[in-house]
Amino acid sequence: MNNYEAMFVIKPDLSEEEKKNLFKQIADGVTKNNGSVSSGAVWSEKRRLIFPIKKQQEGAYYLLNFQLPPQAINQINHAYKLNENILRVLITRL
């Protein structure tokens, strides 16, 4: 099990209920692949992006710390990229 940190840029115009569901989906992606979530929090509510991503000028940032087997990283990264509410994801190993 390795320690990872993931930064998500999500659509800023989601309602509070949609954001809660999205954060739950993100955490469930880790736990379904035999991982555990250490912490997860909103890093920034709304920020202007340097360049448009998927025709969005702004994004909300979400930071997630988790532990996961190394072979499962590609699976969750692919699953996150398929979610239309996630504009961009960056996963780094700590």
PDB file of N, CA and C in Angstrom:
ATOM      1  N   MET A   1       0.846  -1.183   0.000  1.00  0.00           N
ATOM      2  CA  MET A   1       0.000   0.000   0.000  1.00  0.00           C
ATOM      3  C   MET A   1       0.889   1.244   0.000  1.00  0.00           C
ATOM      4  N   ASN A   2       0.632   2.103  -0.961  1.00  0.00           N
ATOM      5  CA  ASN A   2       1.345   3.370  -1.048  1.00  0.00           C
ATOM      6  C   ASN A   2       0.422   4.510  -0.649  1.00  0.00           C
ATOM      7  N   ASN A   3       1.017   5.602  -0.196  1.00  0.00           N
ATOM      8  CA  ASN A   3       0.260   6.806   0.138  1.00  0.00           C
ATOM      9  C   ASN A   3       0.196   7.701  -1.091  1.00  0.00           C
ATOM     10  N   TYR A   4      -0.994   8.214  -1.370  1.00  0.00           N
ATOM     11  CA  TYR A   4      -1.209   9.076  -2.528  1.00  0.00           C
ATOM     12  C   TYR A   4      -1.971  10.327  -2.112  1.00  0.00           C
ATOM     13  N   GLU A   5      -1.816  11.352  -2.949  1.00  0.00           N
ATOM     14  CA  GLU A   5      -2.580  12.577  -2.801  1.00  0.00           C
ATOM     15  C   GLU A   5      -3.156  12.898  -4.170  1.00  0.00           C
ATOM     16  N   ALA A   6      -4.430  13.230  -4.224  1.00  0.00           N
ATOM     17  CA  ALA A   6      -5.087  13.539  -5.492  1.00  0.00           C
ATOM     18  C   ALA A   6      -5.746  14.910  -5.399  1.00  0.00           C
ATOM     19  N   MET A   7      -5.540  15.692  -6.443  1.00  0.00           N
ATOM     20  CA  MET A   7      -6.182  16.992  -6.552  1.00  0.00           C
ATOM     21  C   MET A   7      -7.175  16.916  -7.707  1.00  0.00           C
ATOM     22  N   PHE A   8      -8.423  17.214  -7.409  1.00  0.00           N
ATOM     23  CA  PHE A   8      -9.491  17.186  -8.401  1.00  0.00           C
ATOM     24  C   PHE A   8      -9.942  18.595  -8.702  1.00  0.00           C
ATOM     25  N   VAL A   9     -10.129  18.893  -9.966  1.00  0.00           N
ATOM     26  CA  VAL A   9     -10.782  20.131 -10.385  1.00  0.00           C
ATOM     27  C   VAL A   9     -12.163  19.711 -10.850  1.00  0.00           C
ATOM     28  N   ILE A  10     -13.182  20.215 -10.169  1.00  0.00           N
ATOM     29  CA  ILE A  10     -14.551  19.823 -10.486  1.00  0.00           C
ATOM     30  C   ILE A  10     -15.333  21.038 -10.971  1.00  0.00           C
ATOM     31  N   LYS A  11     -16.461  20.766 -11.583  1.00  0.00           N
ATOM     32  CA  LYS A  11     -17.310  21.852 -12.078  1.00  0.00           C
ATOM     33  C   LYS A  11     -17.769  22.705 -10.901  1.00  0.00           C
ATOM     34  N   PRO A  12     -17.675  24.025 -11.015  1.00  0.00           N
ATOM     35  CA  PRO A  12     -18.030  24.886  -9.888  1.00  0.00           C
ATOM     36  C   PRO A  12     -19.532  25.117  -9.724  1.00  0.00           C
ATOM     37  N   ASP A  13     -20.316  24.819 -10.745  1.00  0.00           N
ATOM     38  CA  ASP A  13     -21.746  25.128 -10.699  1.00  0.00           C
ATOM     39  C   ASP A  13     -22.595  23.973 -10.167  1.00  0.00           C
ATOM     40  N   LEU A  14     -21.981  22.984  -9.531  1.00  0.00           N
ATOM     41  CA  LEU A  14     -22.733  21.879  -8.942  1.00  0.00           C
ATOM     42  C   LEU A  14     -23.415  22.333  -7.659  1.00  0.00           C
ATOM     43  N   SER A  15     -24.580  21.783  -7.394  1.00  0.00           N
ATOM     44  CA  SER A  15     -25.262  22.099  -6.141  1.00  0.00           C
ATOM     45  C   SER A  15     -24.558  21.383  -4.993  1.00  0.00           C
ATOM     46  N   GLU A  16     -24.899  21.744  -3.768  1.00  0.00           N
ATOM     47  CA  GLU A  16     -24.266  21.125  -2.597  1.00  0.00           C
ATOM     48  C   GLU A  16     -24.523  19.623  -2.558  1.00  0.00           C
ATOM     49  N   GLU A  17     -25.731  19.222  -2.915  1.00  0.00           N
ATOM     50  CA  GLU A  17     -26.065  17.797  -2.926  1.00  0.00           C
ATOM     51  C   GLU A  17     -25.244  17.046  -3.980  1.00  0.00           C
ATOM     52  N   GLU A  18     -25.090  17.652  -5.156  1.00  0.00           N
ATOM     53  CA  GLU A  18     -24.294  17.032  -6.213  1.00  0.00           C
ATOM     54  C   GLU A  18     -22.827  16.933  -5.815  1.00  0.00           C
ATOM     55  N   LYS A  19     -22.321  17.953  -5.122  1.00  0.00           N
ATOM     56  CA  LYS A  19     -20.934  17.910  -4.656  1.00  0.00           C
ATOM     57  C   LYS A  19     -20.733  16.797  -3.632  1.00  0.00           C
ATOM     58  N   LYS A  20     -21.671  16.652  -2.699  1.00  0.00           N
ATOM     59  CA  LYS A  20     -21.563  15.584  -1.705  1.00  0.00           C
ATOM     60  C   LYS A  20     -21.568  14.216  -2.369  1.00  0.00           C
ATOM     61  N   ASN A  21     -22.445  14.035  -3.362  1.00  0.00           N
ATOM     62  CA  ASN A  21     -22.499  12.762  -4.089  1.00  0.00           C
ATOM     63  C   ASN A  21     -21.204  12.508  -4.859  1.00  0.00           C
ATOM     64  N   LEU A  22     -20.646  13.563  -5.456  1.00  0.00           N
ATOM     65  CA  LEU A  22     -19.398  13.419  -6.200  1.00  0.00           C
ATOM     66  C   LEU A  22     -18.249  13.053  -5.265  1.00  0.00           C
ATOM     67  N   PHE A  23     -18.163  13.710  -4.106  1.00  0.00           N
ATOM     68  CA  PHE A  23     -17.098  13.405  -3.145  1.00  0.00           C
ATOM     69  C   PHE A  23     -17.232  11.976  -2.632  1.00  0.00           C
ATOM     70  N   LYS A  24     -18.471  11.521  -2.476  1.00  0.00           N
ATOM     71  CA  LYS A  24     -18.703  10.139  -2.051  1.00  0.00           C
ATOM     72  C   LYS A  24     -18.276   9.167  -3.150  1.00  0.00           C
ATOM     73  N   GLN A  25     -18.558   9.487  -4.396  1.00  0.00           N
ATOM     74  CA  GLN A  25     -18.136   8.644  -5.518  1.00  0.00           C
ATOM     75  C   GLN A  25     -16.612   8.567  -5.604  1.00  0.00           C
ATOM     76  N   ILE A  26     -15.954   9.693  -5.366  1.00  0.00           N
ATOM     77  CA  ILE A  26     -14.490   9.726  -5.409  1.00  0.00           C
ATOM     78  C   ILE A  26     -13.913   8.820  -4.331  1.00  0.00           C
ATOM     79  N   ALA A  27     -14.435   8.936  -3.108  1.00  0.00           N
ATOM     80  CA  ALA A  27     -13.947   8.095  -2.004  1.00  0.00           C
ATOM     81  C   ALA A  27     -14.295   6.628  -2.229  1.00  0.00           C
ATOM     82  N   ASP A  28     -15.469   6.355  -2.791  1.00  0.00           N
ATOM     83  CA  ASP A  28     -15.866   4.970  -3.065  1.00  0.00           C
ATOM     84  C   ASP A  28     -14.959   4.320  -4.103  1.00  0.00           C
ATOM     85  N   GLY A  29     -14.452   5.116  -5.037  1.00  0.00           N
ATOM     86  CA  GLY A  29     -13.528   4.581  -6.032  1.00  0.00           C
ATOM     87  C   GLY A  29     -12.263   4.035  -5.395  1.00  0.00           C
ATOM     88  N   VAL A  30     -11.816   4.673  -4.335  1.00  0.00           N
ATOM     89  CA  VAL A  30     -10.626   4.204  -3.618  1.00  0.00           C
ATOM     90  C   VAL A  30     -10.950   2.953  -2.815  1.00  0.00           C
ATOM     91  N   THR A  31     -12.055   2.965  -2.079  1.00  0.00           N
ATOM     92  CA  THR A  31     -12.373   1.828  -1.217  1.00  0.00           C
ATOM     93  C   THR A  31     -12.740   0.577  -2.024  1.00  0.00           C
ATOM     94  N   LYS A  32     -13.315   0.741  -3.202  1.00  0.00           N
ATOM     95  CA  LYS A  32     -13.660  -0.418  -4.036  1.00  0.00           C
ATOM     96  C   LYS A  32     -12.415  -1.136  -4.560  1.00  0.00           C
ATOM     97  N   ASN A  33     -11.294  -0.423  -4.604  1.00  0.00           N
ATOM     98  CA  ASN A  33     -10.041  -1.009  -5.073  1.00  0.00           C
ATOM     99  C   ASN A  33      -9.109  -1.350  -3.910  1.00  0.00           C
ATOM    100  N   ASN A  34      -9.706  -1.731  -2.775  1.00  0.00           N
ATOM    101  CA  ASN A  34      -8.965  -2.164  -1.574  1.00  0.00           C
ATOM    102  C   ASN A  34      -8.070  -1.080  -0.991  1.00  0.00           C
ATOM    103  N   GLY A  35      -8.507   0.148  -1.073  1.00  0.00           N
ATOM    104  CA  GLY A  35      -7.761   1.260  -0.502  1.00  0.00           C
ATOM    105  C   GLY A  35      -8.496   1.858   0.675  1.00  0.00           C
ATOM    106  N   SER A  36      -7.877   2.855   1.299  1.00  0.00           N
ATOM    107  CA  SER A  36      -8.520   3.564   2.402  1.00  0.00           C
ATOM    108  C   SER A  36      -8.247   5.055   2.263  1.00  0.00           C
ATOM    109  N   VAL A  37      -9.254   5.845   2.588  1.00  0.00           N
ATOM    110  CA  VAL A  37      -9.156   7.302   2.497  1.00  0.00           C
ATOM    111  C   VAL A  37      -8.703   7.851   3.837  1.00  0.00           C
ATOM    112  N   SER A  38      -7.615   8.630   3.832  1.00  0.00           N
ATOM    113  CA  SER A  38      -7.119   9.260   5.053  1.00  0.00           C
ATOM    114  C   SER A  38      -7.881  10.549   5.342  1.00  0.00           C
ATOM    115  N   SER A  39      -7.972  11.397   4.325  1.00  0.00           N
ATOM    116  CA  SER A  39      -8.693  12.655   4.486  1.00  0.00           C
ATOM    117  C   SER A  39      -9.135  13.166   3.125  1.00  0.00           C
ATOM    118  N   GLY A  40     -10.148  13.975   3.157  1.00  0.00           N
ATOM    119  CA  GLY A  40     -10.661  14.606   1.946  1.00  0.00           C
ATOM    120  C   GLY A  40     -11.326  15.909   2.312  1.00  0.00           C
ATOM    121  N   ALA A  41     -10.999  16.965   1.588  1.00  0.00           N
ATOM    122  CA  ALA A  41     -11.554  18.272   1.916  1.00  0.00           C
ATOM    123  C   ALA A  41     -11.565  19.159   0.675  1.00  0.00           C
ATOM    124  N   VAL A  42     -12.437  20.156   0.709  1.00  0.00           N
ATOM    125  CA  VAL A  42     -12.476  21.152  -0.348  1.00  0.00           C
ATOM    126  C   VAL A  42     -11.273  22.070  -0.146  1.00  0.00           C
ATOM    127  N   TRP A  43     -10.444  22.183  -1.166  1.00  0.00           N
ATOM    128  CA  TRP A  43      -9.257  23.017  -1.080  1.00  0.00           C
ATOM    129  C   TRP A  43      -9.581  24.459  -1.436  1.00  0.00           C
ATOM    130  N   SER A  44     -10.440  24.653  -2.438  1.00  0.00           N
ATOM    131  CA  SER A  44     -10.858  25.987  -2.846  1.00  0.00           C
ATOM    132  C   SER A  44     -12.231  25.884  -3.497  1.00  0.00           C
ATOM    133  N   GLU A  45     -13.143  26.728  -3.072  1.00  0.00           N
ATOM    134  CA  GLU A  45     -14.517  26.676  -3.579  1.00  0.00           C
ATOM    135  C   GLU A  45     -14.610  27.008  -5.060  1.00  0.00           C
ATOM    136  N   LYS A  46     -14.020  28.101  -5.472  1.00  0.00           N
ATOM    137  CA  LYS A  46     -14.150  28.526  -6.855  1.00  0.00           C
ATOM    138  C   LYS A  46     -12.922  29.349  -7.231  1.00  0.00           C
ATOM    139  N   ARG A  47     -12.246  28.928  -8.277  1.00  0.00           N
ATOM    140  CA  ARG A  47     -11.077  29.649  -8.766  1.00  0.00           C
ATOM    141  C   ARG A  47     -11.154  29.764 -10.281  1.00  0.00           C
ATOM    142  N   ARG A  48     -10.646  30.845 -10.761  1.00  0.00           N
ATOM    143  CA  ARG A  48     -10.571  31.037 -12.212  1.00  0.00           C
ATOM    144  C   ARG A  48      -9.411  30.192 -12.744  1.00  0.00           C
ATOM    145  N   LEU A  49      -9.665  29.475 -13.818  1.00  0.00           N
ATOM    146  CA  LEU A  49      -8.648  28.636 -14.431  1.00  0.00           C
ATOM    147  C   LEU A  49      -7.786  29.462 -15.390  1.00  0.00           C
ATOM    148  N   ILE A  50      -6.534  29.080 -15.546  1.00  0.00           N
ATOM    149  CA  ILE A  50      -5.630  29.778 -16.460  1.00  0.00           C
ATOM    150  C   ILE A  50      -6.097  29.613 -17.907  1.00  0.00           C
ATOM    151  N   PHE A  51      -6.565  28.428 -18.227  1.00  0.00           N
ATOM    152  CA  PHE A  51      -7.084  28.151 -19.565  1.00  0.00           C
ATOM    153  C   PHE A  51      -8.347  27.308 -19.410  1.00  0.00           C
ATOM    154  N   PRO A  52      -9.258  27.381 -20.369  1.00  0.00           N
ATOM    155  CA  PRO A  52     -10.504  26.617 -20.251  1.00  0.00           C
ATOM    156  C   PRO A  52     -10.246  25.107 -20.293  1.00  0.00           C
ATOM    157  N   ILE A  53     -10.961  24.387 -19.423  1.00  0.00           N
ATOM    158  CA  ILE A  53     -10.931  22.927 -19.409  1.00  0.00           C
ATOM    159  C   ILE A  53     -12.365  22.466 -19.631  1.00  0.00           C
ATOM    160  N   LYS A  54     -12.580  21.731 -20.703  1.00  0.00           N
ATOM    161  CA  LYS A  54     -13.914  21.250 -21.068  1.00  0.00           C
ATOM    162  C   LYS A  54     -14.931  22.396 -21.098  1.00  0.00           C
ATOM    163  N   LYS A  55     -14.512  23.514 -21.667  1.00  0.00           N
ATOM    164  CA  LYS A  55     -15.319  24.723 -21.849  1.00  0.00           C
ATOM    165  C   LYS A  55     -15.707  25.399 -20.531  1.00  0.00           C
ATOM    166  N   GLN A  56     -14.993  25.117 -19.461  1.00  0.00           N
ATOM    167  CA  GLN A  56     -15.233  25.744 -18.156  1.00  0.00           C
ATOM    168  C   GLN A  56     -14.127  26.765 -17.882  1.00  0.00           C
ATOM    169  N   GLN A  57     -14.513  27.950 -17.421  1.00  0.00           N
ATOM    170  CA  GLN A  57     -13.547  28.998 -17.097  1.00  0.00           C
ATOM    171  C   GLN A  57     -13.140  28.978 -15.623  1.00  0.00           C
ATOM    172  N   GLU A  58     -13.957  28.334 -14.787  1.00  0.00           N
ATOM    173  CA  GLU A  58     -13.689  28.263 -13.355  1.00  0.00           C
ATOM    174  C   GLU A  58     -13.790  26.823 -12.896  1.00  0.00           C
ATOM    175  N   GLY A  59     -13.210  26.553 -11.727  1.00  0.00           N
ATOM    176  CA  GLY A  59     -13.278  25.214 -11.175  1.00  0.00           C
ATOM    177  C   GLY A  59     -13.179  25.239  -9.666  1.00  0.00           C
ATOM    178  N   ALA A  60     -13.729  24.236  -9.028  1.00  0.00           N
ATOM    179  CA  ALA A  60     -13.597  24.050  -7.582  1.00  0.00           C
ATOM    180  C   ALA A  60     -12.564  22.952  -7.371  1.00  0.00           C
ATOM    181  N   TYR A  61     -11.745  23.093  -6.327  1.00  0.00           N
ATOM    182  CA  TYR A  61     -10.660  22.148  -6.083  1.00  0.00           C
ATOM    183  C   TYR A  61     -10.980  21.281  -4.867  1.00  0.00           C
ATOM    184  N   TYR A  62     -10.703  19.995  -4.994  1.00  0.00           N
ATOM    185  CA  TYR A  62     -10.930  19.024  -3.926  1.00  0.00           C
ATOM    186  C   TYR A  62      -9.655  18.208  -3.746  1.00  0.00           C
ATOM    187  N   LEU A  63      -9.187  18.095  -2.504  1.00  0.00           N
ATOM    188  CA  LEU A  63      -7.947  17.395  -2.178  1.00  0.00           C
ATOM    189  C   LEU A  63      -8.273  16.128  -1.408  1.00  0.00           C
ATOM    190  N   LEU A  64      -7.672  15.007  -1.817  1.00  0.00           N
ATOM    191  CA  LEU A  64      -7.938  13.711  -1.205  1.00  0.00           C
ATOM    192  C   LEU A  64      -6.614  13.011  -0.916  1.00  0.00           C
ATOM    193  N   ASN A  65      -6.436  12.544   0.322  1.00  0.00           N
ATOM    194  CA  ASN A  65      -5.287  11.734   0.713  1.00  0.00           C
ATOM    195  C   ASN A  65      -5.780  10.315   0.948  1.00  0.00           C
ATOM    196  N   PHE A  66      -5.070   9.336   0.379  1.00  0.00           N
ATOM    197  CA  PHE A  66      -5.529   7.949   0.499  1.00  0.00           C
ATOM    198  C   PHE A  66      -4.359   6.981   0.361  1.00  0.00           C
ATOM    199  N   GLN A  67      -4.632   5.733   0.719  1.00  0.00           N
ATOM    200  CA  GLN A  67      -3.677   4.642   0.571  1.00  0.00           C
ATOM    201  C   GLN A  67      -4.297   3.626  -0.371  1.00  0.00           C
ATOM    202  N   LEU A  68      -3.468   3.102  -1.285  1.00  0.00           N
ATOM    203  CA  LEU A  68      -3.983   2.215  -2.316  1.00  0.00           C
ATOM    204  C   LEU A  68      -2.858   1.323  -2.827  1.00  0.00           C
ATOM    205  N   PRO A  69      -3.172   0.083  -3.195  1.00  0.00           N
ATOM    206  CA  PRO A  69      -2.154  -0.753  -3.838  1.00  0.00           C
ATOM    207  C   PRO A  69      -1.730  -0.128  -5.171  1.00  0.00           C
ATOM    208  N   PRO A  70      -0.455  -0.213  -5.519  1.00  0.00           N
ATOM    209  CA  PRO A  70       0.038   0.457  -6.736  1.00  0.00           C
ATOM    210  C   PRO A  70      -0.637  -0.006  -8.026  1.00  0.00           C
ATOM    211  N   GLN A  71      -1.035  -1.264  -8.113  1.00  0.00           N
ATOM    212  CA  GLN A  71      -1.636  -1.756  -9.352  1.00  0.00           C
ATOM    213  C   GLN A  71      -3.038  -1.201  -9.586  1.00  0.00           C
ATOM    214  N   ALA A  72      -3.676  -0.627  -8.586  1.00  0.00           N
ATOM    215  CA  ALA A  72      -5.045  -0.118  -8.728  1.00  0.00           C
ATOM    216  C   ALA A  72      -5.093   1.348  -9.150  1.00  0.00           C
ATOM    217  N   ILE A  73      -3.954   2.022  -9.178  1.00  0.00           N
ATOM    218  CA  ILE A  73      -3.940   3.454  -9.505  1.00  0.00           C
ATOM    219  C   ILE A  73      -4.478   3.722 -10.908  1.00  0.00           C
ATOM    220  N   ASN A  74      -4.082   2.937 -11.880  1.00  0.00           N
ATOM    221  CA  ASN A  74      -4.554   3.156 -13.252  1.00  0.00           C
ATOM    222  C   ASN A  74      -6.060   2.971 -13.367  1.00  0.00           C
ATOM    223  N   GLN A  75      -6.621   2.042 -12.613  1.00  0.00           N
ATOM    224  CA  GLN A  75      -8.064   1.789 -12.670  1.00  0.00           C
ATOM    225  C   GLN A  75      -8.853   2.974 -12.142  1.00  0.00           C
ATOM    226  N   ILE A  76      -8.459   3.516 -10.985  1.00  0.00           N
ATOM    227  CA  ILE A  76      -9.241   4.638 -10.449  1.00  0.00           C
ATOM    228  C   ILE A  76      -8.999   5.907 -11.251  1.00  0.00           C
ATOM    229  N   ASN A  77      -7.790   6.082 -11.768  1.00  0.00           N
ATOM    230  CA  ASN A  77      -7.509   7.250 -12.590  1.00  0.00           C
ATOM    231  C   ASN A  77      -8.391   7.239 -13.836  1.00  0.00           C
ATOM    232  N   HIS A  78      -8.553   6.092 -14.448  1.00  0.00           N
ATOM    233  CA  HIS A  78      -9.418   5.962 -15.622  1.00  0.00           C
ATOM    234  C   HIS A  78     -10.881   6.227 -15.258  1.00  0.00           C
ATOM    235  N   ALA A  79     -11.313   5.712 -14.118  1.00  0.00           N
ATOM    236  CA  ALA A  79     -12.704   5.924 -13.676  1.00  0.00           C
ATOM    237  C   ALA A  79     -12.975   7.401 -13.414  1.00  0.00           C
ATOM    238  N   TYR A  80     -12.005   8.106 -12.821  1.00  0.00           N
ATOM    239  CA  TYR A  80     -12.189   9.530 -12.546  1.00  0.00           C
ATOM    240  C   TYR A  80     -12.252  10.337 -13.838  1.00  0.00           C
ATOM    241  N   LYS A  81     -11.486   9.954 -14.826  1.00  0.00           N
ATOM    242  CA  LYS A  81     -11.495  10.692 -16.088  1.00  0.00           C
ATOM    243  C   LYS A  81     -12.800  10.496 -16.859  1.00  0.00           C
ATOM    244  N   LEU A  82     -13.514   9.417 -16.590  1.00  0.00           N
ATOM    245  CA  LEU A  82     -14.800   9.182 -17.253  1.00  0.00           C
ATOM    246  C   LEU A  82     -15.940   9.989 -16.639  1.00  0.00           C
ATOM    247  N   ASN A  83     -15.758  10.478 -15.418  1.00  0.00           N
ATOM    248  CA  ASN A  83     -16.798  11.246 -14.740  1.00  0.00           C
ATOM    249  C   ASN A  83     -16.865  12.647 -15.347  1.00  0.00           C
ATOM    250  N   GLU A  84     -18.030  13.045 -15.821  1.00  0.00           N
ATOM    251  CA  GLU A  84     -18.162  14.332 -16.510  1.00  0.00           C
ATOM    252  C   GLU A  84     -18.107  15.533 -15.560  1.00  0.00           C
ATOM    253  N   ASN A  85     -18.309  15.330 -14.259  1.00  0.00           N
ATOM    254  CA  ASN A  85     -18.236  16.433 -13.302  1.00  0.00           C
ATOM    255  C   ASN A  85     -16.809  16.725 -12.854  1.00  0.00           C
ATOM    256  N   ILE A  86     -15.883  15.822 -13.143  1.00  0.00           N
ATOM    257  CA  ILE A  86     -14.471  16.039 -12.817  1.00  0.00           C
ATOM    258  C   ILE A  86     -13.790  16.573 -14.066  1.00  0.00           C
ATOM    259  N   LEU A  87     -13.281  17.799 -13.968  1.00  0.00           N
ATOM    260  CA  LEU A  87     -12.623  18.411 -15.119  1.00  0.00           C
ATOM    261  C   LEU A  87     -11.201  17.891 -15.283  1.00  0.00           C
ATOM    262  N   ARG A  88     -10.478  17.738 -14.175  1.00  0.00           N
ATOM    263  CA  ARG A  88      -9.084  17.297 -14.243  1.00  0.00           C
ATOM    264  C   ARG A  88      -8.730  16.633 -12.936  1.00  0.00           C
ATOM    265  N   VAL A  89      -7.840  15.654 -12.971  1.00  0.00           N
ATOM    266  CA  VAL A  89      -7.378  14.976 -11.764  1.00  0.00           C
ATOM    267  C   VAL A  89      -5.873  14.773 -11.873  1.00  0.00           C
ATOM    268  N   LEU A  90      -5.184  14.977 -10.759  1.00  0.00           N
ATOM    269  CA  LEU A  90      -3.755  14.739 -10.677  1.00  0.00           C
ATOM    270  C   LEU A  90      -3.502  13.904  -9.426  1.00  0.00           C
ATOM    271  N   ILE A  91      -2.930  12.728  -9.608  1.00  0.00           N
ATOM    272  CA  ILE A  91      -2.636  11.824  -8.497  1.00  0.00           C
ATOM    273  C   ILE A  91      -1.129  11.722  -8.350  1.00  0.00           C
ATOM    274  N   THR A  92      -0.627  12.022  -7.155  1.00  0.00           N
ATOM    275  CA  THR A  92       0.812  11.934  -6.889  1.00  0.00           C
ATOM    276  C   THR A  92       1.062  11.000  -5.719  1.00  0.00           C
ATOM    277  N   ARG A  93       2.200  10.338  -5.766  1.00  0.00           N
ATOM    278  CA  ARG A  93       2.591   9.426  -4.685  1.00  0.00           C
ATOM    279  C   ARG A  93       3.378  10.227  -3.651  1.00  0.00           C
ATOM    280  N   LEU A  94       3.027  10.033  -2.380  1.00  0.00           N
ATOM    281  CA  LEU A  94       3.720  10.744  -1.293  1.00  0.00           C
ATOM    282  C   LEU A  94       4.877   9.938  -0.773  1.00  0.00           C
TER     283      LEU A  94
END
